[in-house]
Amino acid sequence: MENIMIKPVVHYSGPISIREWLYSKPNNIEYIAYLPEVLDHPNLGKCSQVRTSGIVKFPDKSGTFETRNTIYEKVNPASEFGLVNESY
């Protein structure tokens, strides 16, 4: 039986900054994202200045991207509940 990990979906607002990150061993580079605010992270809750784990799927036009642990969706913080997608 295959072990399948179901990743949580976390909503974020603000511009995303993607950077190279030296991971574990020299010359082993991956990309991570810095987010100004996440709204509903399962461990952090609503939190500012978040650094993600390594990106496995880069942001699409809507700003949705995937890391090793989480799926992130960009939202418009001006909406009533903060969960309306805004353009990337």
PDB file of N, CA and C in Angstrom:
ATOM      1  N   MET A   1       0.848  -1.184   0.000  1.00  0.00           N
ATOM      2  CA  MET A   1       0.000   0.000   0.000  1.00  0.00           C
ATOM      3  C   MET A   1       0.889   1.242   0.000  1.00  0.00           C
ATOM      4  N   GLU A   2       0.571   2.178  -0.850  1.00  0.00           N
ATOM      5  CA  GLU A   2       1.336   3.411  -0.979  1.00  0.00           C
ATOM      6  C   GLU A   2       1.010   4.373   0.159  1.00  0.00           C
ATOM      7  N   ASN A   3       2.040   5.006   0.728  1.00  0.00           N
ATOM      8  CA  ASN A   3       1.859   5.977   1.797  1.00  0.00           C
ATOM      9  C   ASN A   3       1.643   7.354   1.175  1.00  0.00           C
ATOM     10  N   ILE A   4       0.433   7.891   1.293  1.00  0.00           N
ATOM     11  CA  ILE A   4       0.088   9.170   0.689  1.00  0.00           C
ATOM     12  C   ILE A   4      -0.055  10.223   1.780  1.00  0.00           C
ATOM     13  N   MET A   5       0.655  11.355   1.591  1.00  0.00           N
ATOM     14  CA  MET A   5       0.569  12.456   2.535  1.00  0.00           C
ATOM     15  C   MET A   5      -0.443  13.469   2.026  1.00  0.00           C
ATOM     16  N   ILE A   6      -1.412  13.810   2.853  1.00  0.00           N
ATOM     17  CA  ILE A   6      -2.368  14.851   2.509  1.00  0.00           C
ATOM     18  C   ILE A   6      -1.853  16.149   3.119  1.00  0.00           C
ATOM     19  N   LYS A   7      -1.578  17.116   2.255  1.00  0.00           N
ATOM     20  CA  LYS A   7      -1.000  18.372   2.713  1.00  0.00           C
ATOM     21  C   LYS A   7      -2.096  19.361   3.087  1.00  0.00           C
ATOM     22  N   PRO A   8      -1.870  20.126   4.172  1.00  0.00           N
ATOM     23  CA  PRO A   8      -2.843  21.158   4.512  1.00  0.00           C
ATOM     24  C   PRO A   8      -2.781  22.296   3.499  1.00  0.00           C
ATOM     25  N   VAL A   9      -3.911  22.980   3.317  1.00  0.00           N
ATOM     26  CA  VAL A   9      -3.976  24.163   2.469  1.00  0.00           C
ATOM     27  C   VAL A   9      -3.958  25.371   3.395  1.00  0.00           C
ATOM     28  N   VAL A  10      -2.999  26.268   3.163  1.00  0.00           N
ATOM     29  CA  VAL A  10      -2.833  27.463   3.979  1.00  0.00           C
ATOM     30  C   VAL A  10      -3.018  28.679   3.084  1.00  0.00           C
ATOM     31  N   HIS A  11      -3.733  29.667   3.587  1.00  0.00           N
ATOM     32  CA  HIS A  11      -3.985  30.890   2.827  1.00  0.00           C
ATOM     33  C   HIS A  11      -3.007  31.970   3.267  1.00  0.00           C
ATOM     34  N   TYR A  12      -2.521  32.745   2.286  1.00  0.00           N
ATOM     35  CA  TYR A  12      -1.584  33.821   2.603  1.00  0.00           C
ATOM     36  C   TYR A  12      -1.973  35.080   1.851  1.00  0.00           C
ATOM     37  N   SER A  13      -1.475  36.222   2.338  1.00  0.00           N
ATOM     38  CA  SER A  13      -1.705  37.485   1.646  1.00  0.00           C
ATOM     39  C   SER A  13      -0.380  38.220   1.498  1.00  0.00           C
ATOM     40  N   GLY A  14      -0.358  39.128   0.549  1.00  0.00           N
ATOM     41  CA  GLY A  14       0.836  39.921   0.312  1.00  0.00           C
ATOM     42  C   GLY A  14       1.735  39.303  -0.743  1.00  0.00           C
ATOM     43  N   PRO A  15       2.782  40.041  -1.105  1.00  0.00           N
ATOM     44  CA  PRO A  15       3.696  39.558  -2.147  1.00  0.00           C
ATOM     45  C   PRO A  15       4.581  38.420  -1.646  1.00  0.00           C
ATOM     46  N   ILE A  16       4.844  37.498  -2.520  1.00  0.00           N
ATOM     47  CA  ILE A  16       5.699  36.357  -2.193  1.00  0.00           C
ATOM     48  C   ILE A  16       7.129  36.679  -2.649  1.00  0.00           C
ATOM     49  N   SER A  17       8.091  36.262  -1.855  1.00  0.00           N
ATOM     50  CA  SER A  17       9.497  36.424  -2.222  1.00  0.00           C
ATOM     51  C   SER A  17      10.132  35.039  -2.254  1.00  0.00           C
ATOM     52  N   ILE A  18      10.634  34.627  -3.411  1.00  0.00           N
ATOM     53  CA  ILE A  18      11.239  33.301  -3.555  1.00  0.00           C
ATOM     54  C   ILE A  18      12.751  33.458  -3.586  1.00  0.00           C
ATOM     55  N   ARG A  19      13.423  32.645  -2.778  1.00  0.00           N
ATOM     56  CA  ARG A  19      14.884  32.733  -2.666  1.00  0.00           C
ATOM     57  C   ARG A  19      15.518  31.353  -2.741  1.00  0.00           C
ATOM     58  N   GLU A  20      16.787  31.340  -3.147  1.00  0.00           N
ATOM     59  CA  GLU A  20      17.562  30.095  -3.082  1.00  0.00           C
ATOM     60  C   GLU A  20      17.920  29.830  -1.626  1.00  0.00           C
ATOM     61  N   TRP A  21      17.996  28.560  -1.276  1.00  0.00           N
ATOM     62  CA  TRP A  21      18.315  28.159   0.087  1.00  0.00           C
ATOM     63  C   TRP A  21      19.295  26.995   0.016  1.00  0.00           C
ATOM     64  N   LEU A  22      20.399  27.102   0.698  1.00  0.00           N
ATOM     65  CA  LEU A  22      21.370  26.008   0.737  1.00  0.00           C
ATOM     66  C   LEU A  22      20.840  24.964   1.711  1.00  0.00           C
ATOM     67  N   TYR A  23      20.514  23.811   1.206  1.00  0.00           N
ATOM     68  CA  TYR A  23      19.814  22.788   1.977  1.00  0.00           C
ATOM     69  C   TYR A  23      20.734  21.636   2.342  1.00  0.00           C
ATOM     70  N   SER A  24      20.917  21.426   3.617  1.00  0.00           N
ATOM     71  CA  SER A  24      21.647  20.298   4.199  1.00  0.00           C
ATOM     72  C   SER A  24      23.120  20.209   3.825  1.00  0.00           C
ATOM     73  N   LYS A  25      23.405  19.967   2.579  1.00  0.00           N
ATOM     74  CA  LYS A  25      24.775  19.730   2.144  1.00  0.00           C
ATOM     75  C   LYS A  25      25.237  20.850   1.224  1.00  0.00           C
ATOM     76  N   PRO A  26      26.523  21.127   1.176  1.00  0.00           N
ATOM     77  CA  PRO A  26      27.011  22.133   0.226  1.00  0.00           C
ATOM     78  C   PRO A  26      26.587  21.787  -1.203  1.00  0.00           C
ATOM     79  N   ASN A  27      26.274  22.806  -1.955  1.00  0.00           N
ATOM     80  CA  ASN A  27      25.853  22.689  -3.356  1.00  0.00           C
ATOM     81  C   ASN A  27      24.497  22.007  -3.554  1.00  0.00           C
ATOM     82  N   ASN A  28      23.739  21.840  -2.500  1.00  0.00           N
ATOM     83  CA  ASN A  28      22.396  21.278  -2.605  1.00  0.00           C
ATOM     84  C   ASN A  28      21.404  22.418  -2.375  1.00  0.00           C
ATOM     85  N   ILE A  29      21.030  23.108  -3.448  1.00  0.00           N
ATOM     86  CA  ILE A  29      20.196  24.301  -3.346  1.00  0.00           C
ATOM     87  C   ILE A  29      18.751  23.962  -3.670  1.00  0.00           C
ATOM     88  N   GLU A  30      17.836  24.530  -2.876  1.00  0.00           N
ATOM     89  CA  GLU A  30      16.418  24.450  -3.175  1.00  0.00           C
ATOM     90  C   GLU A  30      15.851  25.860  -3.074  1.00  0.00           C
ATOM     91  N   TYR A  31      14.601  26.019  -3.424  1.00  0.00           N
ATOM     92  CA  TYR A  31      13.954  27.324  -3.356  1.00  0.00           C
ATOM     93  C   TYR A  31      12.924  27.315  -2.244  1.00  0.00           C
ATOM     94  N   ILE A  32      12.876  28.416  -1.499  1.00  0.00           N
ATOM     95  CA  ILE A  32      11.902  28.598  -0.432  1.00  0.00           C
ATOM     96  C   ILE A  32      11.168  29.907  -0.678  1.00  0.00           C
ATOM     97  N   ALA A  33      10.064  30.106   0.017  1.00  0.00           N
ATOM     98  CA  ALA A  33       9.303  31.345  -0.110  1.00  0.00           C
ATOM     99  C   ALA A  33       9.225  32.032   1.244  1.00  0.00           C
ATOM    100  N   TYR A  34       9.282  33.348   1.196  1.00  0.00           N
ATOM    101  CA  TYR A  34       9.002  34.178   2.366  1.00  0.00           C
ATOM    102  C   TYR A  34       7.652  34.833   2.127  1.00  0.00           C
ATOM    103  N   LEU A  35       6.757  34.709   3.106  1.00  0.00           N
ATOM    104  CA  LEU A  35       5.405  35.244   2.994  1.00  0.00           C
ATOM    105  C   LEU A  35       5.182  36.292   4.086  1.00  0.00           C
ATOM    106  N   PRO A  36       4.603  37.452   3.742  1.00  0.00           N
ATOM    107  CA  PRO A  36       4.397  38.481   4.748  1.00  0.00           C
ATOM    108  C   PRO A  36       3.360  38.091   5.802  1.00  0.00           C
ATOM    109  N   GLU A  37       2.356  37.288   5.393  1.00  0.00           N
ATOM    110  CA  GLU A  37       1.336  36.881   6.363  1.00  0.00           C
ATOM    111  C   GLU A  37       0.638  35.602   5.905  1.00  0.00           C
ATOM    112  N   VAL A  38       0.529  34.631   6.816  1.00  0.00           N
ATOM    113  CA  VAL A  38      -0.323  33.462   6.591  1.00  0.00           C
ATOM    114  C   VAL A  38      -1.519  33.601   7.518  1.00  0.00           C
ATOM    115  N   LEU A  39      -2.680  33.121   7.058  1.00  0.00           N
ATOM    116  CA  LEU A  39      -3.920  33.363   7.785  1.00  0.00           C
ATOM    117  C   LEU A  39      -4.398  32.182   8.614  1.00  0.00           C
ATOM    118  N   ASP A  40      -4.031  30.959   8.228  1.00  0.00           N
ATOM    119  CA  ASP A  40      -4.623  29.791   8.886  1.00  0.00           C
ATOM    120  C   ASP A  40      -3.698  28.575   8.862  1.00  0.00           C
ATOM    121  N   HIS A  41      -2.440  28.798   9.191  1.00  0.00           N
ATOM    122  CA  HIS A  41      -1.474  27.693   9.209  1.00  0.00           C
ATOM    123  C   HIS A  41      -1.831  26.728  10.339  1.00  0.00           C
ATOM    124  N   PRO A  42      -1.786  25.402  10.123  1.00  0.00           N
ATOM    125  CA  PRO A  42      -2.197  24.457  11.161  1.00  0.00           C
ATOM    126  C   PRO A  42      -1.351  24.519  12.434  1.00  0.00           C
ATOM    127  N   ASN A  43      -0.093  24.917  12.321  1.00  0.00           N
ATOM    128  CA  ASN A  43       0.761  25.032  13.514  1.00  0.00           C
ATOM    129  C   ASN A  43       0.967  26.464  13.977  1.00  0.00           C
ATOM    130  N   LEU A  44       0.984  27.410  13.047  1.00  0.00           N
ATOM    131  CA  LEU A  44       1.282  28.799  13.372  1.00  0.00           C
ATOM    132  C   LEU A  44       0.049  29.675  13.521  1.00  0.00           C
ATOM    133  N   GLY A  45      -1.090  29.226  12.993  1.00  0.00           N
ATOM    134  CA  GLY A  45      -2.291  30.055  12.990  1.00  0.00           C
ATOM    135  C   GLY A  45      -2.092  31.243  12.064  1.00  0.00           C
ATOM    136  N   LYS A  46      -2.561  32.425  12.514  1.00  0.00           N
ATOM    137  CA  LYS A  46      -2.321  33.660  11.759  1.00  0.00           C
ATOM    138  C   LYS A  46      -0.960  34.175  12.207  1.00  0.00           C
ATOM    139  N   CYS A  47      -0.061  34.367  11.248  1.00  0.00           N
ATOM    140  CA  CYS A  47       1.320  34.673  11.598  1.00  0.00           C
ATOM    141  C   CYS A  47       1.958  35.531  10.517  1.00  0.00           C
ATOM    142  N   SER A  48       2.881  36.400  10.924  1.00  0.00           N
ATOM    143  CA  SER A  48       3.602  37.259   9.985  1.00  0.00           C
ATOM    144  C   SER A  48       5.005  36.736   9.750  1.00  0.00           C
ATOM    145  N   GLN A  49       5.555  37.096   8.595  1.00  0.00           N
ATOM    146  CA  GLN A  49       6.945  36.790   8.238  1.00  0.00           C
ATOM    147  C   GLN A  49       7.255  35.288   8.317  1.00  0.00           C
ATOM    148  N   VAL A  50       6.661  34.523   7.434  1.00  0.00           N
ATOM    149  CA  VAL A  50       6.795  33.064   7.420  1.00  0.00           C
ATOM    150  C   VAL A  50       7.760  32.625   6.324  1.00  0.00           C
ATOM    151  N   ARG A  51       8.668  31.718   6.665  1.00  0.00           N
ATOM    152  CA  ARG A  51       9.558  31.084   5.692  1.00  0.00           C
ATOM    153  C   ARG A  51       9.046  29.669   5.485  1.00  0.00           C
ATOM    154  N   THR A  52       8.842  29.296   4.243  1.00  0.00           N
ATOM    155  CA  THR A  52       8.298  27.971   3.946  1.00  0.00           C
ATOM    156  C   THR A  52       9.404  26.920   3.870  1.00  0.00           C
ATOM    157  N   SER A  53       8.985  25.684   3.779  1.00  0.00           N
ATOM    158  CA  SER A  53       9.916  24.611   3.436  1.00  0.00           C
ATOM    159  C   SER A  53      10.183  24.677   1.927  1.00  0.00           C
ATOM    160  N   GLY A  54      10.952  23.764   1.403  1.00  0.00           N
ATOM    161  CA  GLY A  54      11.328  23.781  -0.016  1.00  0.00           C
ATOM    162  C   GLY A  54      10.141  23.718  -0.952  1.00  0.00           C
ATOM    163  N   ILE A  55      10.194  24.522  -1.998  1.00  0.00           N
ATOM    164  CA  ILE A  55       9.122  24.563  -2.994  1.00  0.00           C
ATOM    165  C   ILE A  55       9.253  23.380  -3.945  1.00  0.00           C
ATOM    166  N   VAL A  56       8.141  22.660  -4.137  1.00  0.00           N
ATOM    167  CA  VAL A  56       8.121  21.543  -5.085  1.00  0.00           C
ATOM    168  C   VAL A  56       7.306  21.880  -6.331  1.00  0.00           C
ATOM    169  N   LYS A  57       6.433  22.906  -6.246  1.00  0.00           N
ATOM    170  CA  LYS A  57       5.657  23.379  -7.391  1.00  0.00           C
ATOM    171  C   LYS A  57       5.564  24.894  -7.269  1.00  0.00           C
ATOM    172  N   PHE A  58       6.140  25.600  -8.242  1.00  0.00           N
ATOM    173  CA  PHE A  58       6.216  27.057  -8.180  1.00  0.00           C
ATOM    174  C   PHE A  58       4.843  27.702  -8.370  1.00  0.00           C
ATOM    175  N   PRO A  59       4.692  28.971  -7.922  1.00  0.00           N
ATOM    176  CA  PRO A  59       3.389  29.639  -8.003  1.00  0.00           C
ATOM    177  C   PRO A  59       2.821  29.692  -9.413  1.00  0.00           C
ATOM    178  N   ASP A  60       1.514  29.434  -9.503  1.00  0.00           N
ATOM    179  CA  ASP A  60       0.814  29.583 -10.770  1.00  0.00           C
ATOM    180  C   ASP A  60       0.283  31.023 -10.865  1.00  0.00           C
ATOM    181  N   LYS A  61      -0.555  31.307 -11.846  1.00  0.00           N
ATOM    182  CA  LYS A  61      -1.063  32.670 -12.049  1.00  0.00           C
ATOM    183  C   LYS A  61      -1.853  33.191 -10.849  1.00  0.00           C
ATOM    184  N   SER A  62      -2.484  32.309 -10.124  1.00  0.00           N
ATOM    185  CA  SER A  62      -3.285  32.735  -8.966  1.00  0.00           C
ATOM    186  C   SER A  62      -2.443  32.893  -7.703  1.00  0.00           C
ATOM    187  N   GLY A  63      -1.172  32.463  -7.759  1.00  0.00           N
ATOM    188  CA  GLY A  63      -0.307  32.552  -6.580  1.00  0.00           C
ATOM    189  C   GLY A  63      -0.263  31.273  -5.767  1.00  0.00           C
ATOM    190  N   THR A  64      -0.975  30.238  -6.204  1.00  0.00           N
ATOM    191  CA  THR A  64      -0.967  28.961  -5.495  1.00  0.00           C
ATOM    192  C   THR A  64       0.342  28.233  -5.781  1.00  0.00           C
ATOM    193  N   PHE A  65       0.967  27.722  -4.710  1.00  0.00           N
ATOM    194  CA  PHE A  65       2.191  26.946  -4.867  1.00  0.00           C
ATOM    195  C   PHE A  65       2.244  25.862  -3.804  1.00  0.00           C
ATOM    196  N   GLU A  66       3.166  24.915  -3.995  1.00  0.00           N
ATOM    197  CA  GLU A  66       3.263  23.767  -3.098  1.00  0.00           C
ATOM    198  C   GLU A  66       4.690  23.628  -2.576  1.00  0.00           C
ATOM    199  N   THR A  67       4.792  23.339  -1.276  1.00  0.00           N
ATOM    200  CA  THR A  67       6.090  23.056  -0.670  1.00  0.00           C
ATOM    201  C   THR A  67       6.116  21.582  -0.264  1.00  0.00           C
ATOM    202  N   ARG A  68       7.202  21.161   0.353  1.00  0.00           N
ATOM    203  CA  ARG A  68       7.288  19.766   0.800  1.00  0.00           C
ATOM    204  C   ARG A  68       6.166  19.411   1.771  1.00  0.00           C
ATOM    205  N   ASN A  69       5.687  20.389   2.541  1.00  0.00           N
ATOM    206  CA  ASN A  69       4.726  20.101   3.611  1.00  0.00           C
ATOM    207  C   ASN A  69       3.329  20.682   3.413  1.00  0.00           C
ATOM    208  N   THR A  70       3.185  21.696   2.548  1.00  0.00           N
ATOM    209  CA  THR A  70       1.970  22.497   2.538  1.00  0.00           C
ATOM    210  C   THR A  70       1.630  22.980   1.129  1.00  0.00           C
ATOM    211  N   ILE A  71       0.339  23.231   0.897  1.00  0.00           N
ATOM    212  CA  ILE A  71      -0.126  23.923  -0.304  1.00  0.00           C
ATOM    213  C   ILE A  71      -0.550  25.319   0.144  1.00  0.00           C
ATOM    214  N   TYR A  72      -0.042  26.348  -0.536  1.00  0.00           N
ATOM    215  CA  TYR A  72      -0.346  27.734  -0.193  1.00  0.00           C
ATOM    216  C   TYR A  72      -1.198  28.358  -1.283  1.00  0.00           C
ATOM    217  N   GLU A  73      -2.273  29.054  -0.873  1.00  0.00           N
ATOM    218  CA  GLU A  73      -3.146  29.770  -1.799  1.00  0.00           C
ATOM    219  C   GLU A  73      -3.177  31.235  -1.410  1.00  0.00           C
ATOM    220  N   LYS A  74      -2.981  32.119  -2.397  1.00  0.00           N
ATOM    221  CA  LYS A  74      -3.003  33.553  -2.152  1.00  0.00           C
ATOM    222  C   LYS A  74      -4.442  34.044  -2.082  1.00  0.00           C
ATOM    223  N   VAL A  75      -4.719  34.964  -1.154  1.00  0.00           N
ATOM    224  CA  VAL A  75      -6.063  35.508  -0.978  1.00  0.00           C
ATOM    225  C   VAL A  75      -6.016  37.029  -0.925  1.00  0.00           C
ATOM    226  N   ASN A  76      -7.181  37.631  -1.063  1.00  0.00           N
ATOM    227  CA  ASN A  76      -7.327  39.075  -0.957  1.00  0.00           C
ATOM    228  C   ASN A  76      -7.712  39.402   0.486  1.00  0.00           C
ATOM    229  N   PRO A  77      -6.822  40.030   1.276  1.00  0.00           N
ATOM    230  CA  PRO A  77      -7.126  40.298   2.684  1.00  0.00           C
ATOM    231  C   PRO A  77      -8.246  41.305   2.882  1.00  0.00           C
ATOM    232  N   ALA A  78      -8.639  42.033   1.832  1.00  0.00           N
ATOM    233  CA  ALA A  78      -9.711  43.010   1.946  1.00  0.00           C
ATOM    234  C   ALA A  78     -11.096  42.364   1.891  1.00  0.00           C
ATOM    235  N   SER A  79     -11.150  41.070   1.537  1.00  0.00           N
ATOM    236  CA  SER A  79     -12.447  40.404   1.468  1.00  0.00           C
ATOM    237  C   SER A  79     -12.996  40.203   2.882  1.00  0.00           C
ATOM    238  N   GLU A  80     -14.264  39.929   2.984  1.00  0.00           N
ATOM    239  CA  GLU A  80     -14.922  39.798   4.277  1.00  0.00           C
ATOM    240  C   GLU A  80     -14.243  38.757   5.172  1.00  0.00           C
ATOM    241  N   PHE A  81     -13.887  37.616   4.607  1.00  0.00           N
ATOM    242  CA  PHE A  81     -13.274  36.553   5.389  1.00  0.00           C
ATOM    243  C   PHE A  81     -11.797  36.386   5.086  1.00  0.00           C
ATOM    244  N   GLY A  82     -11.267  37.174   4.158  1.00  0.00           N
ATOM    245  CA  GLY A  82      -9.851  37.049   3.810  1.00  0.00           C
ATOM    246  C   GLY A  82      -9.561  35.809   2.971  1.00  0.00           C
ATOM    247  N   LEU A  83     -10.557  35.254   2.318  1.00  0.00           N
ATOM    248  CA  LEU A  83     -10.331  34.034   1.558  1.00  0.00           C
ATOM    249  C   LEU A  83     -10.768  34.143   0.103  1.00  0.00           C
ATOM    250  N   VAL A  84     -10.631  35.319  -0.481  1.00  0.00           N
ATOM    251  CA  VAL A  84     -10.946  35.520  -1.897  1.00  0.00           C
ATOM    252  C   VAL A  84      -9.634  35.618  -2.646  1.00  0.00           C
ATOM    253  N   ASN A  85      -9.458  34.795  -3.659  1.00  0.00           N
ATOM    254  CA  ASN A  85      -8.206  34.818  -4.420  1.00  0.00           C
ATOM    255  C   ASN A  85      -8.001  36.164  -5.084  1.00  0.00           C
ATOM    256  N   GLU A  86      -6.758  36.656  -5.030  1.00  0.00           N
ATOM    257  CA  GLU A  86      -6.398  37.866  -5.759  1.00  0.00           C
ATOM    258  C   GLU A  86      -5.398  37.485  -6.828  1.00  0.00           C
ATOM    259  N   SER A  87      -5.263  38.314  -7.833  1.00  0.00           N
ATOM    260  CA  SER A  87      -4.320  37.979  -8.905  1.00  0.00           C
ATOM    261  C   SER A  87      -2.911  37.991  -8.375  1.00  0.00           C
ATOM    262  N   TYR A  88      -2.054  37.192  -9.011  1.00  0.00           N
ATOM    263  CA  TYR A  88      -0.673  37.005  -8.564  1.00  0.00           C
ATOM    264  C   TYR A  88       0.215  38.087  -9.062  1.00  0.00           C
TER     265      TYR A  88
END
